[in-house]
């Protein structure tokens, strides 16, 4: 029997990759609207639609609507077997932003009474990543000489978008046995920004045009690392190295590739 999956945020970075994978698996796809509604039944619900995590997304009402209200409406639906709410590792920040606060608030609505689970991705990278993020900026700086501000020190836990998609599907499959639980999705190893720069320069064969600054996000943690042990116990293992991810991203910016 064909699995029916309902997805919010299907046109975004993570959503577009998830949609491609689900279609390749033969799923029937339903798109969830901005308010959290879709027609009929779904085996799996993936709530990826978000707002507030990109530069310039500062409307507080929209942040709450996209990250909290939509989930509450989805949870009113009784016609599903599993729901995966995609939160953010930023909920662990010592100083909360409007976005991380909204994600944390939404997590509070997930309980063991429903087959719903929480996914907290670390720093997601890969093809089609938003151009305002660190690695796309470094790639453009190397390839085209674009000057960019750069903070060498902070270290992040990176995960390839394709490994994230595999994790989300695995979590959906196991949702009934893990109701209300949180699954951190990351490699478990923080990598510093300067190491990322060196890898991008190695892959492109060119130097980045950077202007070193002390800080760009005052609320940021110096080291981001997630505990992925619960996910690993389900059988998940990342398939893509950081260098492979960067290579795949570089090819997006090369004409004729």
C-alpha atoms as a PDB file:
ATOM      1  CA  UNK A   1       0.000   0.000   0.000  1.00  0.00           C
ATOM      2  CA  UNK A   2       1.284   3.452  -0.938  1.00  0.00           C
ATOM      3  CA  UNK A   3       2.266   5.656   2.022  1.00  0.00           C
ATOM      4  CA  UNK A   4       0.682   9.108   2.144  1.00  0.00           C
ATOM      5  CA  UNK A   5       2.951  11.863   3.477  1.00  0.00           C
ATOM      6  CA  UNK A   6       1.862  15.409   4.255  1.00  0.00           C
ATOM      7  CA  UNK A   7       4.649  18.006   4.277  1.00  0.00           C
ATOM      8  CA  UNK A   8       4.799  21.649   5.303  1.00  0.00           C
ATOM      9  CA  UNK A   9       7.616  23.828   4.000  1.00  0.00           C
ATOM     10  CA  UNK A  10       7.995  21.555   0.976  1.00  0.00           C
ATOM     11  CA  UNK A  11       9.544  24.321  -1.156  1.00  0.00           C
ATOM     12  CA  UNK A  12      12.269  25.143   1.371  1.00  0.00           C
ATOM     13  CA  UNK A  13      15.798  23.809   1.708  1.00  0.00           C
ATOM     14  CA  UNK A  14      14.989  20.762   3.843  1.00  0.00           C
ATOM     15  CA  UNK A  15      11.463  20.309   2.518  1.00  0.00           C
ATOM     16  CA  UNK A  16      12.490  20.121  -1.134  1.00  0.00           C
ATOM     17  CA  UNK A  17      15.068  17.434  -0.398  1.00  0.00           C
ATOM     18  CA  UNK A  18      12.612  15.478   1.745  1.00  0.00           C
ATOM     19  CA  UNK A  19       9.972  15.684  -0.978  1.00  0.00           C
ATOM     20  CA  UNK A  20      12.378  14.285  -3.569  1.00  0.00           C
ATOM     21  CA  UNK A  21      13.280  11.354  -1.317  1.00  0.00           C
ATOM     22  CA  UNK A  22       9.664  10.545  -0.430  1.00  0.00           C
ATOM     23  CA  UNK A  23       8.643  10.613  -4.098  1.00  0.00           C
ATOM     24  CA  UNK A  24      11.537   8.297  -4.965  1.00  0.00           C
ATOM     25  CA  UNK A  25      10.140   5.912  -2.339  1.00  0.00           C
ATOM     26  CA  UNK A  26       6.738   5.980  -4.028  1.00  0.00           C
ATOM     27  CA  UNK A  27       4.926   8.111  -1.457  1.00  0.00           C
ATOM     28  CA  UNK A  28       1.807  10.052  -2.304  1.00  0.00           C
ATOM     29  CA  UNK A  29       2.443  13.652  -1.274  1.00  0.00           C
ATOM     30  CA  UNK A  30       0.071  16.169   0.269  1.00  0.00           C
ATOM     31  CA  UNK A  31       1.160  19.723   0.917  1.00  0.00           C
ATOM     32  CA  UNK A  32       0.245  21.369   4.196  1.00  0.00           C
ATOM     33  CA  UNK A  33      -0.813  25.011   3.957  1.00  0.00           C
ATOM     34  CA  UNK A  34       0.640  27.812   6.082  1.00  0.00           C
ATOM     35  CA  UNK A  35      -2.070  27.394   8.713  1.00  0.00           C
ATOM     36  CA  UNK A  36      -1.441  23.683   9.180  1.00  0.00           C
ATOM     37  CA  UNK A  37      -4.254  22.158   7.155  1.00  0.00           C
ATOM     38  CA  UNK A  38      -4.422  19.519   4.440  1.00  0.00           C
ATOM     39  CA  UNK A  39      -7.198  17.425   3.006  1.00  0.00           C
ATOM     40  CA  UNK A  40      -7.998  13.931   4.187  1.00  0.00           C
ATOM     41  CA  UNK A  41      -5.668  11.375   5.722  1.00  0.00           C
ATOM     42  CA  UNK A  42      -1.873  11.081   5.949  1.00  0.00           C
ATOM     43  CA  UNK A  43       0.273   8.256   7.245  1.00  0.00           C
ATOM     44  CA  UNK A  44       3.167  10.586   8.017  1.00  0.00           C
ATOM     45  CA  UNK A  45       3.181  14.319   8.714  1.00  0.00           C
ATOM     46  CA  UNK A  46       6.416  16.288   8.462  1.00  0.00           C
ATOM     47  CA  UNK A  47       6.159  19.826   9.815  1.00  0.00           C
ATOM     48  CA  UNK A  48       9.158  21.625   8.343  1.00  0.00           C
ATOM     49  CA  UNK A  49       7.572  24.958   7.454  1.00  0.00           C
ATOM     50  CA  UNK A  50       9.355  27.687   9.376  1.00  0.00           C
ATOM     51  CA  UNK A  51      10.026  31.408   9.612  1.00  0.00           C
ATOM     52  CA  UNK A  52      12.527  33.417  11.644  1.00  0.00           C
ATOM     53  CA  UNK A  53      15.672  31.402  11.070  1.00  0.00           C
ATOM     54  CA  UNK A  54      16.978  33.491   8.161  1.00  0.00           C
ATOM     55  CA  UNK A  55      18.333  37.024   8.123  1.00  0.00           C
ATOM     56  CA  UNK A  56      15.557  39.609   7.840  1.00  0.00           C
ATOM     57  CA  UNK A  57      12.765  37.322   9.108  1.00  0.00           C
ATOM     58  CA  UNK A  58      11.853  39.412  12.150  1.00  0.00           C
ATOM     59  CA  UNK A  59       8.038  39.607  12.157  1.00  0.00           C
ATOM     60  CA  UNK A  60       7.101  38.224  15.599  1.00  0.00           C
ATOM     61  CA  UNK A  61       3.553  37.307  14.592  1.00  0.00           C
ATOM     62  CA  UNK A  62       4.808  35.359  11.590  1.00  0.00           C
ATOM     63  CA  UNK A  63       7.440  33.597  13.709  1.00  0.00           C
ATOM     64  CA  UNK A  64       4.781  32.410  16.152  1.00  0.00           C
ATOM     65  CA  UNK A  65       2.312  31.490  13.415  1.00  0.00           C
ATOM     66  CA  UNK A  66       4.797  29.448  11.387  1.00  0.00           C
ATOM     67  CA  UNK A  67       6.429  27.642  14.273  1.00  0.00           C
ATOM     68  CA  UNK A  68       3.688  27.280  16.879  1.00  0.00           C
ATOM     69  CA  UNK A  69       0.170  27.879  15.584  1.00  0.00           C
ATOM     70  CA  UNK A  70       0.626  25.637  12.563  1.00  0.00           C
ATOM     71  CA  UNK A  71       1.754  22.732  14.738  1.00  0.00           C
ATOM     72  CA  UNK A  72      -1.175  23.165  17.118  1.00  0.00           C
ATOM     73  CA  UNK A  73      -3.571  22.966  14.178  1.00  0.00           C
ATOM     74  CA  UNK A  74      -1.822  19.863  12.848  1.00  0.00           C
ATOM     75  CA  UNK A  75      -2.125  18.150  16.214  1.00  0.00           C
ATOM     76  CA  UNK A  76      -5.895  18.686  16.150  1.00  0.00           C
ATOM     77  CA  UNK A  77      -5.989  16.339  13.177  1.00  0.00           C
ATOM     78  CA  UNK A  78      -6.747  12.737  14.159  1.00  0.00           C
ATOM     79  CA  UNK A  79      -6.051  11.272  10.725  1.00  0.00           C
ATOM     80  CA  UNK A  80      -2.366  10.396  10.842  1.00  0.00           C
ATOM     81  CA  UNK A  81      -0.048   7.642  12.065  1.00  0.00           C
ATOM     82  CA  UNK A  82       3.082   9.684  12.791  1.00  0.00           C
ATOM     83  CA  UNK A  83       4.025  13.350  13.068  1.00  0.00           C
ATOM     84  CA  UNK A  84       7.584  14.658  13.000  1.00  0.00           C
ATOM     85  CA  UNK A  85       7.987  18.232  14.206  1.00  0.00           C
ATOM     86  CA  UNK A  86      11.243  19.715  12.968  1.00  0.00           C
ATOM     87  CA  UNK A  87      12.479  22.014  15.702  1.00  0.00           C
ATOM     88  CA  UNK A  88      16.000  23.429  16.030  1.00  0.00           C
ATOM     89  CA  UNK A  89      19.143  22.868  18.067  1.00  0.00           C
ATOM     90  CA  UNK A  90      18.956  26.612  18.810  1.00  0.00           C
ATOM     91  CA  UNK A  91      16.420  25.875  21.570  1.00  0.00           C
ATOM     92  CA  UNK A  92      19.495  25.115  23.677  1.00  0.00           C
ATOM     93  CA  UNK A  93      20.867  28.650  23.402  1.00  0.00           C
ATOM     94  CA  UNK A  94      21.560  30.355  26.734  1.00  0.00           C
ATOM     95  CA  UNK A  95      20.096  33.547  25.286  1.00  0.00           C
ATOM     96  CA  UNK A  96      16.910  32.729  23.376  1.00  0.00           C
ATOM     97  CA  UNK A  97      15.952  34.451  20.136  1.00  0.00           C
ATOM     98  CA  UNK A  98      12.341  34.946  19.025  1.00  0.00           C
ATOM     99  CA  UNK A  99      12.801  31.987  16.680  1.00  0.00           C
ATOM    100  CA  UNK A 100      14.337  29.591  19.211  1.00  0.00           C
ATOM    101  CA  UNK A 101      11.745  30.597  21.802  1.00  0.00           C
ATOM    102  CA  UNK A 102       8.934  29.810  19.334  1.00  0.00           C
ATOM    103  CA  UNK A 103      10.459  26.406  18.539  1.00  0.00           C
ATOM    104  CA  UNK A 104      10.815  25.637  22.235  1.00  0.00           C
ATOM    105  CA  UNK A 105       7.209  26.666  22.854  1.00  0.00           C
ATOM    106  CA  UNK A 106       6.011  24.398  20.045  1.00  0.00           C
ATOM    107  CA  UNK A 107       7.937  21.454  21.453  1.00  0.00           C
ATOM    108  CA  UNK A 108       5.814  21.772  24.582  1.00  0.00           C
ATOM    109  CA  UNK A 109       2.736  20.664  22.631  1.00  0.00           C
ATOM    110  CA  UNK A 110       4.289  17.329  21.671  1.00  0.00           C
ATOM    111  CA  UNK A 111       3.312  14.622  24.172  1.00  0.00           C
ATOM    112  CA  UNK A 112       3.362  10.858  24.554  1.00  0.00           C
ATOM    113  CA  UNK A 113      -0.392  10.714  24.006  1.00  0.00           C
ATOM    114  CA  UNK A 114       0.064  11.022  20.244  1.00  0.00           C
ATOM    115  CA  UNK A 115       2.509   9.342  17.808  1.00  0.00           C
ATOM    116  CA  UNK A 116       4.430  12.599  17.489  1.00  0.00           C
ATOM    117  CA  UNK A 117       8.169  13.198  17.908  1.00  0.00           C
ATOM    118  CA  UNK A 118      10.582  16.125  17.846  1.00  0.00           C
ATOM    119  CA  UNK A 119      13.576  16.383  15.502  1.00  0.00           C
ATOM    120  CA  UNK A 120      16.290  18.895  16.352  1.00  0.00           C
ATOM    121  CA  UNK A 121      18.717  19.261  13.438  1.00  0.00           C
ATOM    122  CA  UNK A 122      22.158  20.713  14.030  1.00  0.00           C
ATOM    123  CA  UNK A 123      23.659  22.968  11.322  1.00  0.00           C
ATOM    124  CA  UNK A 124      22.318  21.571   8.047  1.00  0.00           C
ATOM    125  CA  UNK A 125      24.427  21.861   4.896  1.00  0.00           C
ATOM    126  CA  UNK A 126      24.249  20.642   1.327  1.00  0.00           C
ATOM    127  CA  UNK A 127      23.037  21.465  -2.189  1.00  0.00           C
ATOM    128  CA  UNK A 128      20.469  24.296  -2.347  1.00  0.00           C
ATOM    129  CA  UNK A 129      21.481  25.625   1.061  1.00  0.00           C
ATOM    130  CA  UNK A 130      20.401  29.287   1.503  1.00  0.00           C
ATOM    131  CA  UNK A 131      23.053  31.590   0.087  1.00  0.00           C
ATOM    132  CA  UNK A 132      23.181  33.687   3.284  1.00  0.00           C
ATOM    133  CA  UNK A 133      24.717  30.777   5.224  1.00  0.00           C
ATOM    134  CA  UNK A 134      28.414  30.374   5.976  1.00  0.00           C
ATOM    135  CA  UNK A 135      29.477  27.709   3.474  1.00  0.00           C
ATOM    136  CA  UNK A 136      27.679  29.185   0.424  1.00  0.00           C
ATOM    137  CA  UNK A 137      29.235  32.553   1.293  1.00  0.00           C
ATOM    138  CA  UNK A 138      32.690  30.990   1.535  1.00  0.00           C
ATOM    139  CA  UNK A 139      32.204  29.198  -1.785  1.00  0.00           C
ATOM    140  CA  UNK A 140      31.215  32.423  -3.538  1.00  0.00           C
ATOM    141  CA  UNK A 141      34.106  34.226  -1.878  1.00  0.00           C
ATOM    142  CA  UNK A 142      36.551  31.611  -3.181  1.00  0.00           C
ATOM    143  CA  UNK A 143      35.097  31.296  -6.668  1.00  0.00           C
ATOM    144  CA  UNK A 144      34.171  34.903  -7.361  1.00  0.00           C
ATOM    145  CA  UNK A 145      36.289  36.903  -4.906  1.00  0.00           C
ATOM    146  CA  UNK A 146      33.304  38.246  -2.985  1.00  0.00           C
ATOM    147  CA  UNK A 147      34.498  39.805   0.268  1.00  0.00           C
ATOM    148  CA  UNK A 148      32.748  38.587   3.411  1.00  0.00           C
ATOM    149  CA  UNK A 149      32.957  39.113   7.180  1.00  0.00           C
ATOM    150  CA  UNK A 150      34.290  36.008   8.883  1.00  0.00           C
ATOM    151  CA  UNK A 151      34.419  34.804  12.492  1.00  0.00           C
ATOM    152  CA  UNK A 152      37.073  32.049  12.759  1.00  0.00           C
ATOM    153  CA  UNK A 153      36.347  30.699  16.217  1.00  0.00           C
ATOM    154  CA  UNK A 154      32.790  29.316  16.636  1.00  0.00           C
ATOM    155  CA  UNK A 155      32.407  25.573  16.073  1.00  0.00           C
ATOM    156  CA  UNK A 156      29.220  23.952  14.789  1.00  0.00           C
ATOM    157  CA  UNK A 157      27.918  20.416  14.483  1.00  0.00           C
ATOM    158  CA  UNK A 158      27.222  19.969  10.767  1.00  0.00           C
ATOM    159  CA  UNK A 159      24.928  17.418   9.102  1.00  0.00           C
ATOM    160  CA  UNK A 160      24.404  16.855   5.387  1.00  0.00           C
ATOM    161  CA  UNK A 161      20.870  17.521   4.153  1.00  0.00           C
ATOM    162  CA  UNK A 162      20.628  13.985   2.722  1.00  0.00           C
ATOM    163  CA  UNK A 163      21.595  12.455   6.065  1.00  0.00           C
ATOM    164  CA  UNK A 164      19.009  14.682   7.741  1.00  0.00           C
ATOM    165  CA  UNK A 165      16.306  13.474   5.347  1.00  0.00           C
ATOM    166  CA  UNK A 166      17.206   9.850   6.078  1.00  0.00           C
ATOM    167  CA  UNK A 167      16.955  10.614   9.788  1.00  0.00           C
ATOM    168  CA  UNK A 168      13.519  12.241   9.461  1.00  0.00           C
ATOM    169  CA  UNK A 169      12.150   9.247   7.565  1.00  0.00           C
ATOM    170  CA  UNK A 170      13.611   6.816  10.119  1.00  0.00           C
ATOM    171  CA  UNK A 171      12.086   8.816  12.975  1.00  0.00           C
ATOM    172  CA  UNK A 172       8.686   8.752  11.262  1.00  0.00           C
ATOM    173  CA  UNK A 173       8.927   4.977  10.859  1.00  0.00           C
ATOM    174  CA  UNK A 174       9.685   4.573  14.574  1.00  0.00           C
ATOM    175  CA  UNK A 175       7.408   7.337  15.902  1.00  0.00           C
ATOM    176  CA  UNK A 176       4.854   5.071  17.561  1.00  0.00           C
ATOM    177  CA  UNK A 177       7.532   3.556  19.824  1.00  0.00           C
ATOM    178  CA  UNK A 178       9.100   6.934  20.656  1.00  0.00           C
ATOM    179  CA  UNK A 179       6.159   9.211  21.355  1.00  0.00           C
ATOM    180  CA  UNK A 180       7.059  12.640  22.658  1.00  0.00           C
ATOM    181  CA  UNK A 181      10.809  12.072  22.450  1.00  0.00           C
ATOM    182  CA  UNK A 182      13.460  14.424  21.079  1.00  0.00           C
ATOM    183  CA  UNK A 183      15.923  13.261  18.433  1.00  0.00           C
ATOM    184  CA  UNK A 184      19.024  15.385  17.901  1.00  0.00           C
ATOM    185  CA  UNK A 185      20.346  15.112  14.344  1.00  0.00           C
ATOM    186  CA  UNK A 186      24.015  15.846  13.874  1.00  0.00           C
ATOM    187  CA  UNK A 187      27.396  14.188  13.595  1.00  0.00           C
ATOM    188  CA  UNK A 188      28.237  14.854  17.244  1.00  0.00           C
ATOM    189  CA  UNK A 189      31.538  16.567  16.379  1.00  0.00           C
ATOM    190  CA  UNK A 190      31.898  20.358  16.348  1.00  0.00           C
ATOM    191  CA  UNK A 191      33.946  21.837  13.497  1.00  0.00           C
ATOM    192  CA  UNK A 192      35.323  25.387  13.754  1.00  0.00           C
ATOM    193  CA  UNK A 193      34.598  28.010  11.112  1.00  0.00           C
ATOM    194  CA  UNK A 194      38.301  28.266  10.208  1.00  0.00           C
ATOM    195  CA  UNK A 195      38.340  24.529   9.475  1.00  0.00           C
ATOM    196  CA  UNK A 196      35.331  24.988   7.202  1.00  0.00           C
ATOM    197  CA  UNK A 197      37.139  27.807   5.396  1.00  0.00           C
ATOM    198  CA  UNK A 198      40.201  25.613   4.885  1.00  0.00           C
ATOM    199  CA  UNK A 199      38.045  22.813   3.437  1.00  0.00           C
ATOM    200  CA  UNK A 200      36.246  25.152   1.046  1.00  0.00           C
ATOM    201  CA  UNK A 201      39.586  26.556  -0.098  1.00  0.00           C
ATOM    202  CA  UNK A 202      40.904  23.017  -0.580  1.00  0.00           C
ATOM    203  CA  UNK A 203      37.902  21.923  -2.639  1.00  0.00           C
ATOM    204  CA  UNK A 204      37.797  25.074  -4.788  1.00  0.00           C
ATOM    205  CA  UNK A 205      41.551  25.448  -5.071  1.00  0.00           C
ATOM    206  CA  UNK A 206      41.227  29.165  -4.285  1.00  0.00           C
ATOM    207  CA  UNK A 207      41.512  31.467  -1.278  1.00  0.00           C
ATOM    208  CA  UNK A 208      38.520  33.129   0.353  1.00  0.00           C
ATOM    209  CA  UNK A 209      38.373  36.924   0.457  1.00  0.00           C
ATOM    210  CA  UNK A 210      37.575  37.442   4.138  1.00  0.00           C
ATOM    211  CA  UNK A 211      37.450  40.268   6.643  1.00  0.00           C
ATOM    212  CA  UNK A 212      37.960  38.773  10.125  1.00  0.00           C
ATOM    213  CA  UNK A 213      35.571  40.114  12.759  1.00  0.00           C
ATOM    214  CA  UNK A 214      35.069  39.267  16.437  1.00  0.00           C
ATOM    215  CA  UNK A 215      31.388  38.362  16.326  1.00  0.00           C
ATOM    216  CA  UNK A 216      28.342  38.513  14.071  1.00  0.00           C
ATOM    217  CA  UNK A 217      25.704  37.010  16.363  1.00  0.00           C
ATOM    218  CA  UNK A 218      26.040  38.113  20.007  1.00  0.00           C
ATOM    219  CA  UNK A 219      23.651  35.378  21.183  1.00  0.00           C
ATOM    220  CA  UNK A 220      25.617  32.572  19.522  1.00  0.00           C
ATOM    221  CA  UNK A 221      27.334  29.768  21.417  1.00  0.00           C
ATOM    222  CA  UNK A 222      31.042  29.246  20.874  1.00  0.00           C
ATOM    223  CA  UNK A 223      30.575  25.501  20.453  1.00  0.00           C
ATOM    224  CA  UNK A 224      27.469  23.747  19.095  1.00  0.00           C
ATOM    225  CA  UNK A 225      27.355  20.000  19.599  1.00  0.00           C
ATOM    226  CA  UNK A 226      24.405  17.628  19.729  1.00  0.00           C
ATOM    227  CA  UNK A 227      23.990  14.264  21.422  1.00  0.00           C
ATOM    228  CA  UNK A 228      22.822  11.974  18.613  1.00  0.00           C
ATOM    229  CA  UNK A 229      22.920   8.754  20.670  1.00  0.00           C
ATOM    230  CA  UNK A 230      19.149   8.232  20.649  1.00  0.00           C
ATOM    231  CA  UNK A 231      19.062   8.500  16.858  1.00  0.00           C
ATOM    232  CA  UNK A 232      22.090   6.237  16.440  1.00  0.00           C
ATOM    233  CA  UNK A 233      20.309   3.584  18.532  1.00  0.00           C
ATOM    234  CA  UNK A 234      17.531   3.597  15.929  1.00  0.00           C
ATOM    235  CA  UNK A 235      20.115   2.629  13.306  1.00  0.00           C
ATOM    236  CA  UNK A 236      20.963   6.032  11.801  1.00  0.00           C
ATOM    237  CA  UNK A 237      24.485   6.700  10.598  1.00  0.00           C
ATOM    238  CA  UNK A 238      25.651   9.690   8.502  1.00  0.00           C
ATOM    239  CA  UNK A 239      26.770   8.730   5.005  1.00  0.00           C
ATOM    240  CA  UNK A 240      28.347  11.984   3.833  1.00  0.00           C
ATOM    241  CA  UNK A 241      31.591  13.507   5.061  1.00  0.00           C
ATOM    242  CA  UNK A 242      31.920  17.256   5.458  1.00  0.00           C
ATOM    243  CA  UNK A 243      34.302  17.407   2.500  1.00  0.00           C
ATOM    244  CA  UNK A 244      31.831  15.495   0.307  1.00  0.00           C
ATOM    245  CA  UNK A 245      29.053  17.899   1.278  1.00  0.00           C
ATOM    246  CA  UNK A 246      31.189  20.902   0.410  1.00  0.00           C
ATOM    247  CA  UNK A 247      32.213  19.359  -2.918  1.00  0.00           C
ATOM    248  CA  UNK A 248      28.546  18.811  -3.826  1.00  0.00           C
ATOM    249  CA  UNK A 249      27.781  22.414  -2.908  1.00  0.00           C
ATOM    250  CA  UNK A 250      30.701  23.819  -4.915  1.00  0.00           C
ATOM    251  CA  UNK A 251      29.439  22.134  -8.100  1.00  0.00           C
ATOM    252  CA  UNK A 252      26.226  24.196  -7.825  1.00  0.00           C
ATOM    253  CA  UNK A 253      28.233  27.344  -8.412  1.00  0.00           C
ATOM    254  CA  UNK A 254      30.318  26.049 -11.314  1.00  0.00           C
ATOM    255  CA  UNK A 255      28.919  26.645 -14.816  1.00  0.00           C
ATOM    256  CA  UNK A 256      28.459  23.558 -16.944  1.00  0.00           C
ATOM    257  CA  UNK A 257      28.720  21.078 -14.059  1.00  0.00           C
END
